[in-house]
Amino acid sequence: MKSLEESFNLLSQKWNLEIIYTLFLKNEATFSGLRHILGVNSRTLSDKLKNLKGHGYIERIVEAGPPLRVKYALTVKGRNTALLALPLLYYLSSLSSI
């Protein structure tokens, strides 16, 4: 139960589900790509990505350069979480149109 509670607390924090959903739709994205899509400031996005990576929802992929490229993608845990959250996201988006 404790693990489930920790997961809900993490996912309910602002931007976390949005990041997971965006990566679910795009398969992978760069830091600047995520920042542009979500409209979030760099510091907040950096903190959220580190936190999600630390909990195993996303992975950071470094491609050797030049130039060095860093991309983010969902792990299996992140992809499964996105699939479970889709009905909730759909429901929430339908509320905003009422």
PDB file of N, CA and C in Angstrom:
ATOM      1  N   MET A   1       0.816  -1.189   0.000  1.00  0.00           N
ATOM      2  CA  MET A   1       0.000   0.000   0.000  1.00  0.00           C
ATOM      3  C   MET A   1       0.863   1.258   0.000  1.00  0.00           C
ATOM      4  N   LYS A   2       1.970   1.207   0.723  1.00  0.00           N
ATOM      5  CA  LYS A   2       2.867   2.355   0.820  1.00  0.00           C
ATOM      6  C   LYS A   2       3.421   2.727  -0.554  1.00  0.00           C
ATOM      7  N   SER A   3       3.793   1.726  -1.348  1.00  0.00           N
ATOM      8  CA  SER A   3       4.324   1.962  -2.689  1.00  0.00           C
ATOM      9  C   SER A   3       3.283   2.618  -3.584  1.00  0.00           C
ATOM     10  N   LEU A   4       2.055   2.162  -3.483  1.00  0.00           N
ATOM     11  CA  LEU A   4       0.965   2.733  -4.272  1.00  0.00           C
ATOM     12  C   LEU A   4       0.717   4.187  -3.883  1.00  0.00           C
ATOM     13  N   GLU A   5       0.769   4.468  -2.597  1.00  0.00           N
ATOM     14  CA  GLU A   5       0.573   5.828  -2.110  1.00  0.00           C
ATOM     15  C   GLU A   5       1.681   6.743  -2.630  1.00  0.00           C
ATOM     16  N   GLU A   6       2.918   6.271  -2.614  1.00  0.00           N
ATOM     17  CA  GLU A   6       4.040   7.066  -3.122  1.00  0.00           C
ATOM     18  C   GLU A   6       3.867   7.351  -4.609  1.00  0.00           C
ATOM     19  N   SER A   7       3.418   6.357  -5.366  1.00  0.00           N
ATOM     20  CA  SER A   7       3.197   6.545  -6.801  1.00  0.00           C
ATOM     21  C   SER A   7       2.110   7.584  -7.059  1.00  0.00           C
ATOM     22  N   PHE A   8       1.005   7.506  -6.344  1.00  0.00           N
ATOM     23  CA  PHE A   8      -0.068   8.480  -6.511  1.00  0.00           C
ATOM     24  C   PHE A   8       0.398   9.883  -6.138  1.00  0.00           C
ATOM     25  N   ASN A   9       1.169   9.993  -5.070  1.00  0.00           N
ATOM     26  CA  ASN A   9       1.681  11.308  -4.667  1.00  0.00           C
ATOM     27  C   ASN A   9       2.579  11.894  -5.747  1.00  0.00           C
ATOM     28  N   LEU A  10       3.446  11.075  -6.311  1.00  0.00           N
ATOM     29  CA  LEU A  10       4.350  11.550  -7.361  1.00  0.00           C
ATOM     30  C   LEU A  10       3.570  11.957  -8.605  1.00  0.00           C
ATOM     31  N   LEU A  11       2.645  11.119  -9.034  1.00  0.00           N
ATOM     32  CA  LEU A  11       1.917  11.388 -10.269  1.00  0.00           C
ATOM     33  C   LEU A  11       0.923  12.536 -10.144  1.00  0.00           C
ATOM     34  N   SER A  12       0.504  12.847  -8.938  1.00  0.00           N
ATOM     35  CA  SER A  12      -0.445  13.935  -8.755  1.00  0.00           C
ATOM     36  C   SER A  12       0.243  15.303  -8.702  1.00  0.00           C
ATOM     37  N   GLN A  13       1.564  15.309  -8.654  1.00  0.00           N
ATOM     38  CA  GLN A  13       2.289  16.581  -8.648  1.00  0.00           C
ATOM     39  C   GLN A  13       2.201  17.228 -10.027  1.00  0.00           C
ATOM     40  N   LYS A  14       2.116  18.538 -10.013  1.00  0.00           N
ATOM     41  CA  LYS A  14       1.991  19.300 -11.258  1.00  0.00           C
ATOM     42  C   LYS A  14       3.109  18.930 -12.231  1.00  0.00           C
ATOM     43  N   TRP A  15       2.750  18.770 -13.467  1.00  0.00           N
ATOM     44  CA  TRP A  15       3.596  18.490 -14.627  1.00  0.00           C
ATOM     45  C   TRP A  15       3.962  17.023 -14.812  1.00  0.00           C
ATOM     46  N   ASN A  16       3.932  16.201 -13.794  1.00  0.00           N
ATOM     47  CA  ASN A  16       4.416  14.826 -13.943  1.00  0.00           C
ATOM     48  C   ASN A  16       3.587  14.010 -14.937  1.00  0.00           C
ATOM     49  N   LEU A  17       2.283  14.021 -14.799  1.00  0.00           N
ATOM     50  CA  LEU A  17       1.448  13.280 -15.755  1.00  0.00           C
ATOM     51  C   LEU A  17       1.527  13.887 -17.154  1.00  0.00           C
ATOM     52  N   GLU A  18       1.654  15.210 -17.230  1.00  0.00           N
ATOM     53  CA  GLU A  18       1.774  15.859 -18.530  1.00  0.00           C
ATOM     54  C   GLU A  18       3.053  15.413 -19.247  1.00  0.00           C
ATOM     55  N   ILE A  19       4.146  15.306 -18.495  1.00  0.00           N
ATOM     56  CA  ILE A  19       5.415  14.847 -19.068  1.00  0.00           C
ATOM     57  C   ILE A  19       5.275  13.402 -19.538  1.00  0.00           C
ATOM     58  N   ILE A  20       4.717  12.555 -18.707  1.00  0.00           N
ATOM     59  CA  ILE A  20       4.541  11.142 -19.064  1.00  0.00           C
ATOM     60  C   ILE A  20       3.644  11.006 -20.292  1.00  0.00           C
ATOM     61  N   TYR A  21       2.555  11.730 -20.328  1.00  0.00           N
ATOM     62  CA  TYR A  21       1.626  11.655 -21.461  1.00  0.00           C
ATOM     63  C   TYR A  21       2.286  12.159 -22.749  1.00  0.00           C
ATOM     64  N   THR A  22       3.039  13.243 -22.657  1.00  0.00           N
ATOM     65  CA  THR A  22       3.733  13.777 -23.833  1.00  0.00           C
ATOM     66  C   THR A  22       4.736  12.773 -24.376  1.00  0.00           C
ATOM     67  N   LEU A  23       5.501  12.155 -23.482  1.00  0.00           N
ATOM     68  CA  LEU A  23       6.468  11.143 -23.926  1.00  0.00           C
ATOM     69  C   LEU A  23       5.763   9.909 -24.473  1.00  0.00           C
ATOM     70  N   PHE A  24       4.601   9.608 -23.955  1.00  0.00           N
ATOM     71  CA  PHE A  24       3.813   8.493 -24.477  1.00  0.00           C
ATOM     72  C   PHE A  24       3.411   8.762 -25.935  1.00  0.00           C
ATOM     73  N   LEU A  25       2.987   9.981 -26.208  1.00  0.00           N
ATOM     74  CA  LEU A  25       2.560  10.344 -27.560  1.00  0.00           C
ATOM     75  C   LEU A  25       3.729  10.490 -28.531  1.00  0.00           C
ATOM     76  N   LYS A  26       4.859  11.021 -28.054  1.00  0.00           N
ATOM     77  CA  LYS A  26       5.990  11.325 -28.929  1.00  0.00           C
ATOM     78  C   LYS A  26       7.038  10.206 -28.988  1.00  0.00           C
ATOM     79  N   ASN A  27       6.960   9.233 -28.101  1.00  0.00           N
ATOM     80  CA  ASN A  27       7.942   8.159 -27.945  1.00  0.00           C
ATOM     81  C   ASN A  27       9.238   8.641 -27.302  1.00  0.00           C
ATOM     82  N   GLU A  28       9.775   9.754 -27.750  1.00  0.00           N
ATOM     83  CA  GLU A  28      10.947  10.356 -27.117  1.00  0.00           C
ATOM     84  C   GLU A  28      10.964  11.836 -27.455  1.00  0.00           C
ATOM     85  N   ALA A  29      11.648  12.609 -26.615  1.00  0.00           N
ATOM     86  CA  ALA A  29      11.709  14.054 -26.841  1.00  0.00           C
ATOM     87  C   ALA A  29      12.951  14.607 -26.176  1.00  0.00           C
ATOM     88  N   THR A  30      13.436  15.709 -26.720  1.00  0.00           N
ATOM     89  CA  THR A  30      14.561  16.405 -26.108  1.00  0.00           C
ATOM     90  C   THR A  30      14.037  17.308 -24.994  1.00  0.00           C
ATOM     91  N   PHE A  31      14.961  17.811 -24.196  1.00  0.00           N
ATOM     92  CA  PHE A  31      14.591  18.724 -23.117  1.00  0.00           C
ATOM     93  C   PHE A  31      13.889  19.946 -23.691  1.00  0.00           C
ATOM     94  N   SER A  32      14.497  20.551 -24.718  1.00  0.00           N
ATOM     95  CA  SER A  32      13.898  21.764 -25.286  1.00  0.00           C
ATOM     96  C   SER A  32      12.558  21.465 -25.957  1.00  0.00           C
ATOM     97  N   GLY A  33      12.427  20.278 -26.540  1.00  0.00           N
ATOM     98  CA  GLY A  33      11.157  19.888 -27.132  1.00  0.00           C
ATOM     99  C   GLY A  33      10.055  19.788 -26.090  1.00  0.00           C
ATOM    100  N   LEU A  34      10.367  19.157 -24.956  1.00  0.00           N
ATOM    101  CA  LEU A  34       9.388  19.060 -23.869  1.00  0.00           C
ATOM    102  C   LEU A  34       9.042  20.439 -23.323  1.00  0.00           C
ATOM    103  N   ARG A  35      10.059  21.274 -23.154  1.00  0.00           N
ATOM    104  CA  ARG A  35       9.837  22.622 -22.616  1.00  0.00           C
ATOM    105  C   ARG A  35       8.911  23.409 -23.532  1.00  0.00           C
ATOM    106  N   HIS A  36       9.119  23.281 -24.828  1.00  0.00           N
ATOM    107  CA  HIS A  36       8.291  23.992 -25.796  1.00  0.00           C
ATOM    108  C   HIS A  36       6.852  23.454 -25.808  1.00  0.00           C
ATOM    109  N   ILE A  37       6.692  22.156 -25.830  1.00  0.00           N
ATOM    110  CA  ILE A  37       5.356  21.542 -25.877  1.00  0.00           C
ATOM    111  C   ILE A  37       4.546  21.874 -24.629  1.00  0.00           C
ATOM    112  N   LEU A  38       5.191  21.765 -23.461  1.00  0.00           N
ATOM    113  CA  LEU A  38       4.475  21.936 -22.201  1.00  0.00           C
ATOM    114  C   LEU A  38       4.381  23.388 -21.745  1.00  0.00           C
ATOM    115  N   GLY A  39       5.301  24.233 -22.197  1.00  0.00           N
ATOM    116  CA  GLY A  39       5.301  25.624 -21.757  1.00  0.00           C
ATOM    117  C   GLY A  39       5.722  25.770 -20.305  1.00  0.00           C
ATOM    118  N   VAL A  40       6.638  24.919 -19.864  1.00  0.00           N
ATOM    119  CA  VAL A  40       7.109  24.926 -18.482  1.00  0.00           C
ATOM    120  C   VAL A  40       8.514  25.531 -18.450  1.00  0.00           C
ATOM    121  N   ASN A  41       8.880  26.160 -17.327  1.00  0.00           N
ATOM    122  CA  ASN A  41      10.219  26.745 -17.266  1.00  0.00           C
ATOM    123  C   ASN A  41      11.284  25.663 -17.091  1.00  0.00           C
ATOM    124  N   SER A  42      12.494  25.990 -17.460  1.00  0.00           N
ATOM    125  CA  SER A  42      13.596  25.019 -17.500  1.00  0.00           C
ATOM    126  C   SER A  42      13.889  24.391 -16.145  1.00  0.00           C
ATOM    127  N   ARG A  43      13.901  25.184 -15.111  1.00  0.00           N
ATOM    128  CA  ARG A  43      14.218  24.668 -13.770  1.00  0.00           C
ATOM    129  C   ARG A  43      13.186  23.640 -13.319  1.00  0.00           C
ATOM    130  N   THR A  44      11.917  23.969 -13.500  1.00  0.00           N
ATOM    131  CA  THR A  44      10.846  23.053 -13.110  1.00  0.00           C
ATOM    132  C   THR A  44      10.929  21.764 -13.908  1.00  0.00           C
ATOM    133  N   LEU A  45      11.117  21.873 -15.217  1.00  0.00           N
ATOM    134  CA  LEU A  45      11.194  20.686 -16.063  1.00  0.00           C
ATOM    135  C   LEU A  45      12.385  19.818 -15.661  1.00  0.00           C
ATOM    136  N   SER A  46      13.513  20.427 -15.417  1.00  0.00           N
ATOM    137  CA  SER A  46      14.706  19.682 -15.005  1.00  0.00           C
ATOM    138  C   SER A  46      14.449  18.912 -13.716  1.00  0.00           C
ATOM    139  N   ASP A  47      13.844  19.568 -12.742  1.00  0.00           N
ATOM    140  CA  ASP A  47      13.525  18.913 -11.463  1.00  0.00           C
ATOM    141  C   ASP A  47      12.556  17.752 -11.655  1.00  0.00           C
ATOM    142  N   LYS A  48      11.526  17.971 -12.472  1.00  0.00           N
ATOM    143  CA  LYS A  48      10.522  16.924 -12.704  1.00  0.00           C
ATOM    144  C   LYS A  48      11.127  15.725 -13.435  1.00  0.00           C
ATOM    145  N   LEU A  49      11.966  15.978 -14.433  1.00  0.00           N
ATOM    146  CA  LEU A  49      12.594  14.886 -15.173  1.00  0.00           C
ATOM    147  C   LEU A  49      13.511  14.060 -14.270  1.00  0.00           C
ATOM    148  N   LYS A  50      14.277  14.734 -13.422  1.00  0.00           N
ATOM    149  CA  LYS A  50      15.154  14.015 -12.483  1.00  0.00           C
ATOM    150  C   LYS A  50      14.335  13.152 -11.535  1.00  0.00           C
ATOM    151  N   ASN A  51      13.246  13.693 -11.048  1.00  0.00           N
ATOM    152  CA  ASN A  51      12.388  12.971 -10.114  1.00  0.00           C
ATOM    153  C   ASN A  51      11.732  11.757 -10.781  1.00  0.00           C
ATOM    154  N   LEU A  52      11.204  11.947 -11.985  1.00  0.00           N
ATOM    155  CA  LEU A  52      10.574  10.838 -12.711  1.00  0.00           C
ATOM    156  C   LEU A  52      11.598   9.771 -13.086  1.00  0.00           C
ATOM    157  N   LYS A  53      12.799  10.188 -13.441  1.00  0.00           N
ATOM    158  CA  LYS A  53      13.863   9.236 -13.751  1.00  0.00           C
ATOM    159  C   LYS A  53      14.252   8.450 -12.503  1.00  0.00           C
ATOM    160  N   GLY A  54      14.359   9.150 -11.386  1.00  0.00           N
ATOM    161  CA  GLY A  54      14.713   8.510 -10.122  1.00  0.00           C
ATOM    162  C   GLY A  54      13.701   7.469  -9.669  1.00  0.00           C
ATOM    163  N   HIS A  55      12.453   7.656 -10.053  1.00  0.00           N
ATOM    164  CA  HIS A  55      11.399   6.708  -9.692  1.00  0.00           C
ATOM    165  C   HIS A  55      11.135   5.665 -10.786  1.00  0.00           C
ATOM    166  N   GLY A  56      11.921   5.718 -11.854  1.00  0.00           N
ATOM    167  CA  GLY A  56      11.837   4.682 -12.877  1.00  0.00           C
ATOM    168  C   GLY A  56      10.772   4.859 -13.939  1.00  0.00           C
ATOM    169  N   TYR A  57      10.220   6.058 -14.083  1.00  0.00           N
ATOM    170  CA  TYR A  57       9.176   6.284 -15.084  1.00  0.00           C
ATOM    171  C   TYR A  57       9.748   6.671 -16.447  1.00  0.00           C
ATOM    172  N   ILE A  58      10.887   7.346 -16.443  1.00  0.00           N
ATOM    173  CA  ILE A  58      11.500   7.754 -17.703  1.00  0.00           C
ATOM    174  C   ILE A  58      12.975   7.384 -17.697  1.00  0.00           C
ATOM    175  N   GLU A  59      13.530   7.354 -18.904  1.00  0.00           N
ATOM    176  CA  GLU A  59      14.962   7.134 -19.037  1.00  0.00           C
ATOM    177  C   GLU A  59      15.562   8.297 -19.809  1.00  0.00           C
ATOM    178  N   ARG A  60      16.805   8.578 -19.493  1.00  0.00           N
ATOM    179  CA  ARG A  60      17.565   9.646 -20.148  1.00  0.00           C
ATOM    180  C   ARG A  60      18.534   8.968 -21.103  1.00  0.00           C
ATOM    181  N   ILE A  61      18.422   9.301 -22.379  1.00  0.00           N
ATOM    182  CA  ILE A  61      19.238   8.673 -23.413  1.00  0.00           C
ATOM    183  C   ILE A  61      20.229   9.708 -23.941  1.00  0.00           C
ATOM    184  N   VAL A  62      21.511   9.432 -23.782  1.00  0.00           N
ATOM    185  CA  VAL A  62      22.552  10.344 -24.255  1.00  0.00           C
ATOM    186  C   VAL A  62      23.133   9.775 -25.542  1.00  0.00           C
ATOM    187  N   GLU A  63      23.030  10.551 -26.623  1.00  0.00           N
ATOM    188  CA  GLU A  63      23.583  10.152 -27.912  1.00  0.00           C
ATOM    189  C   GLU A  63      24.885  10.911 -28.127  1.00  0.00           C
ATOM    190  N   ALA A  64      25.951  10.161 -28.380  1.00  0.00           N
ATOM    191  CA  ALA A  64      27.254  10.782 -28.585  1.00  0.00           C
ATOM    192  C   ALA A  64      27.217  11.695 -29.800  1.00  0.00           C
ATOM    193  N   GLY A  65      27.951  12.756 -29.723  1.00  0.00           N
ATOM    194  CA  GLY A  65      27.948  13.763 -30.782  1.00  0.00           C
ATOM    195  C   GLY A  65      29.206  13.692 -31.604  1.00  0.00           C
ATOM    196  N   PRO A  66      29.656  14.752 -32.129  1.00  0.00           N
ATOM    197  CA  PRO A  66      29.064  16.064 -31.866  1.00  0.00           C
ATOM    198  C   PRO A  66      27.842  16.307 -32.746  1.00  0.00           C
ATOM    199  N   PRO A  67      26.911  17.076 -32.317  1.00  0.00           N
ATOM    200  CA  PRO A  67      26.757  17.551 -30.943  1.00  0.00           C
ATOM    201  C   PRO A  67      26.153  16.462 -30.058  1.00  0.00           C
ATOM    202  N   LEU A  68      26.431  16.553 -28.794  1.00  0.00           N
ATOM    203  CA  LEU A  68      25.864  15.637 -27.814  1.00  0.00           C
ATOM    204  C   LEU A  68      24.359  15.880 -27.745  1.00  0.00           C
ATOM    205  N   ARG A  69      23.560  14.819 -27.814  1.00  0.00           N
ATOM    206  CA  ARG A  69      22.097  14.960 -27.755  1.00  0.00           C
ATOM    207  C   ARG A  69      21.561  14.147 -26.596  1.00  0.00           C
ATOM    208  N   VAL A  70      20.640  14.732 -25.873  1.00  0.00           N
ATOM    209  CA  VAL A  70      19.988  14.047 -24.763  1.00  0.00           C
ATOM    210  C   VAL A  70      18.502  13.977 -25.075  1.00  0.00           C
ATOM    211  N   LYS A  71      17.971  12.773 -24.996  1.00  0.00           N
ATOM    212  CA  LYS A  71      16.543  12.559 -25.224  1.00  0.00           C
ATOM    213  C   LYS A  71      15.959  11.845 -24.017  1.00  0.00           C
ATOM    214  N   TYR A  72      14.674  11.989 -23.859  1.00  0.00           N
ATOM    215  CA  TYR A  72      13.945  11.333 -22.781  1.00  0.00           C
ATOM    216  C   TYR A  72      12.882  10.435 -23.386  1.00  0.00           C
ATOM    217  N   ALA A  73      12.694   9.275 -22.764  1.00  0.00           N
ATOM    218  CA  ALA A  73      11.690   8.315 -23.219  1.00  0.00           C
ATOM    219  C   ALA A  73      11.108   7.606 -22.003  1.00  0.00           C
ATOM    220  N   LEU A  74       9.946   7.013 -22.180  1.00  0.00           N
ATOM    221  CA  LEU A  74       9.309   6.267 -21.094  1.00  0.00           C
ATOM    222  C   LEU A  74       9.960   4.899 -20.929  1.00  0.00           C
ATOM    223  N   THR A  75      10.039   4.467 -19.708  1.00  0.00           N
ATOM    224  CA  THR A  75      10.405   3.088 -19.415  1.00  0.00           C
ATOM    225  C   THR A  75       9.128   2.251 -19.532  1.00  0.00           C
ATOM    226  N   VAL A  76       9.230   0.961 -19.333  1.00  0.00           N
ATOM    227  CA  VAL A  76       8.044   0.102 -19.336  1.00  0.00           C
ATOM    228  C   VAL A  76       7.080   0.566 -18.246  1.00  0.00           C
ATOM    229  N   LYS A  77       7.612   0.891 -17.085  1.00  0.00           N
ATOM    230  CA  LYS A  77       6.778   1.387 -15.975  1.00  0.00           C
ATOM    231  C   LYS A  77       6.069   2.683 -16.383  1.00  0.00           C
ATOM    232  N   GLY A  78       6.782   3.572 -17.043  1.00  0.00           N
ATOM    233  CA  GLY A  78       6.193   4.834 -17.490  1.00  0.00           C
ATOM    234  C   GLY A  78       5.120   4.624 -18.538  1.00  0.00           C
ATOM    235  N   ARG A  79       5.369   3.731 -19.489  1.00  0.00           N
ATOM    236  CA  ARG A  79       4.393   3.433 -20.539  1.00  0.00           C
ATOM    237  C   ARG A  79       3.132   2.812 -19.928  1.00  0.00           C
ATOM    238  N   ASN A  80       3.302   1.877 -19.001  1.00  0.00           N
ATOM    239  CA  ASN A  80       2.146   1.265 -18.336  1.00  0.00           C
ATOM    240  C   ASN A  80       1.363   2.296 -17.542  1.00  0.00           C
ATOM    241  N   THR A  81       2.056   3.211 -16.905  1.00  0.00           N
ATOM    242  CA  THR A  81       1.394   4.273 -16.149  1.00  0.00           C
ATOM    243  C   THR A  81       0.587   5.163 -17.089  1.00  0.00           C
ATOM    244  N   ALA A  82       1.164   5.504 -18.231  1.00  0.00           N
ATOM    245  CA  ALA A  82       0.447   6.328 -19.213  1.00  0.00           C
ATOM    246  C   ALA A  82      -0.817   5.620 -19.688  1.00  0.00           C
ATOM    247  N   LEU A  83      -0.715   4.335 -19.953  1.00  0.00           N
ATOM    248  CA  LEU A  83      -1.892   3.573 -20.397  1.00  0.00           C
ATOM    249  C   LEU A  83      -2.974   3.547 -19.323  1.00  0.00           C
ATOM    250  N   LEU A  84      -2.571   3.411 -18.072  1.00  0.00           N
ATOM    251  CA  LEU A  84      -3.544   3.417 -16.977  1.00  0.00           C
ATOM    252  C   LEU A  84      -4.163   4.795 -16.769  1.00  0.00           C
ATOM    253  N   ALA A  85      -3.402   5.846 -17.076  1.00  0.00           N
ATOM    254  CA  ALA A  85      -3.873   7.216 -16.842  1.00  0.00           C
ATOM    255  C   ALA A  85      -4.724   7.755 -17.986  1.00  0.00           C
ATOM    256  N   LEU A  86      -4.710   7.106 -19.146  1.00  0.00           N
ATOM    257  CA  LEU A  86      -5.461   7.618 -20.294  1.00  0.00           C
ATOM    258  C   LEU A  86      -6.942   7.867 -19.999  1.00  0.00           C
ATOM    259  N   PRO A  87      -7.650   6.937 -19.365  1.00  0.00           N
ATOM    260  CA  PRO A  87      -9.064   7.232 -19.061  1.00  0.00           C
ATOM    261  C   PRO A  87      -9.231   8.461 -18.159  1.00  0.00           C
ATOM    262  N   LEU A  88      -8.344   8.614 -17.202  1.00  0.00           N
ATOM    263  CA  LEU A  88      -8.410   9.775 -16.310  1.00  0.00           C
ATOM    264  C   LEU A  88      -8.141  11.063 -17.085  1.00  0.00           C
ATOM    265  N   LEU A  89      -7.123  11.060 -17.934  1.00  0.00           N
ATOM    266  CA  LEU A  89      -6.807  12.243 -18.738  1.00  0.00           C
ATOM    267  C   LEU A  89      -7.957  12.585 -19.683  1.00  0.00           C
ATOM    268  N   TYR A  90      -8.571  11.575 -20.274  1.00  0.00           N
ATOM    269  CA  TYR A  90      -9.712  11.782 -21.158  1.00  0.00           C
ATOM    270  C   TYR A  90     -10.872  12.405 -20.377  1.00  0.00           C
ATOM    271  N   TYR A  91     -11.135  11.862 -19.205  1.00  0.00           N
ATOM    272  CA  TYR A  91     -12.217  12.375 -18.379  1.00  0.00           C
ATOM    273  C   TYR A  91     -11.956  13.832 -17.980  1.00  0.00           C
ATOM    274  N   LEU A  92     -10.739  14.143 -17.558  1.00  0.00           N
ATOM    275  CA  LEU A  92     -10.406  15.505 -17.155  1.00  0.00           C
ATOM    276  C   LEU A  92     -10.505  16.470 -18.315  1.00  0.00           C
ATOM    277  N   SER A  93     -10.092  16.048 -19.517  1.00  0.00           N
ATOM    278  CA  SER A  93     -10.177  16.938 -20.673  1.00  0.00           C
ATOM    279  C   SER A  93     -11.634  17.186 -21.049  1.00  0.00           C
ATOM    280  N   SER A  94     -12.513  16.211 -20.818  1.00  0.00           N
ATOM    281  CA  SER A  94     -13.925  16.418 -21.141  1.00  0.00           C
ATOM    282  C   SER A  94     -14.580  17.389 -20.163  1.00  0.00           C
ATOM    283  N   LEU A  95     -14.076  17.482 -18.957  1.00  0.00           N
ATOM    284  CA  LEU A  95     -14.605  18.430 -17.980  1.00  0.00           C
ATOM    285  C   LEU A  95     -14.307  19.868 -18.366  1.00  0.00           C
ATOM    286  N   SER A  96     -13.144  20.097 -18.974  1.00  0.00           N
ATOM    287  CA  SER A  96     -12.764  21.446 -19.329  1.00  0.00           C
ATOM    288  C   SER A  96     -13.599  22.004 -20.483  1.00  0.00           C
ATOM    289  N   SER A  97     -14.255  21.126 -21.242  1.00  0.00           N
ATOM    290  CA  SER A  97     -15.075  21.594 -22.356  1.00  0.00           C
ATOM    291  C   SER A  97     -16.531  21.849 -21.947  1.00  0.00           C
ATOM    292  N   ILE A  98     -16.854  21.587 -20.697  1.00  0.00           N
ATOM    293  CA  ILE A  98     -18.244  21.803 -20.224  1.00  0.00           C
ATOM    294  C   ILE A  98     -18.449  23.250 -19.870  1.00  0.00           C
TER     295      ILE A  98
END
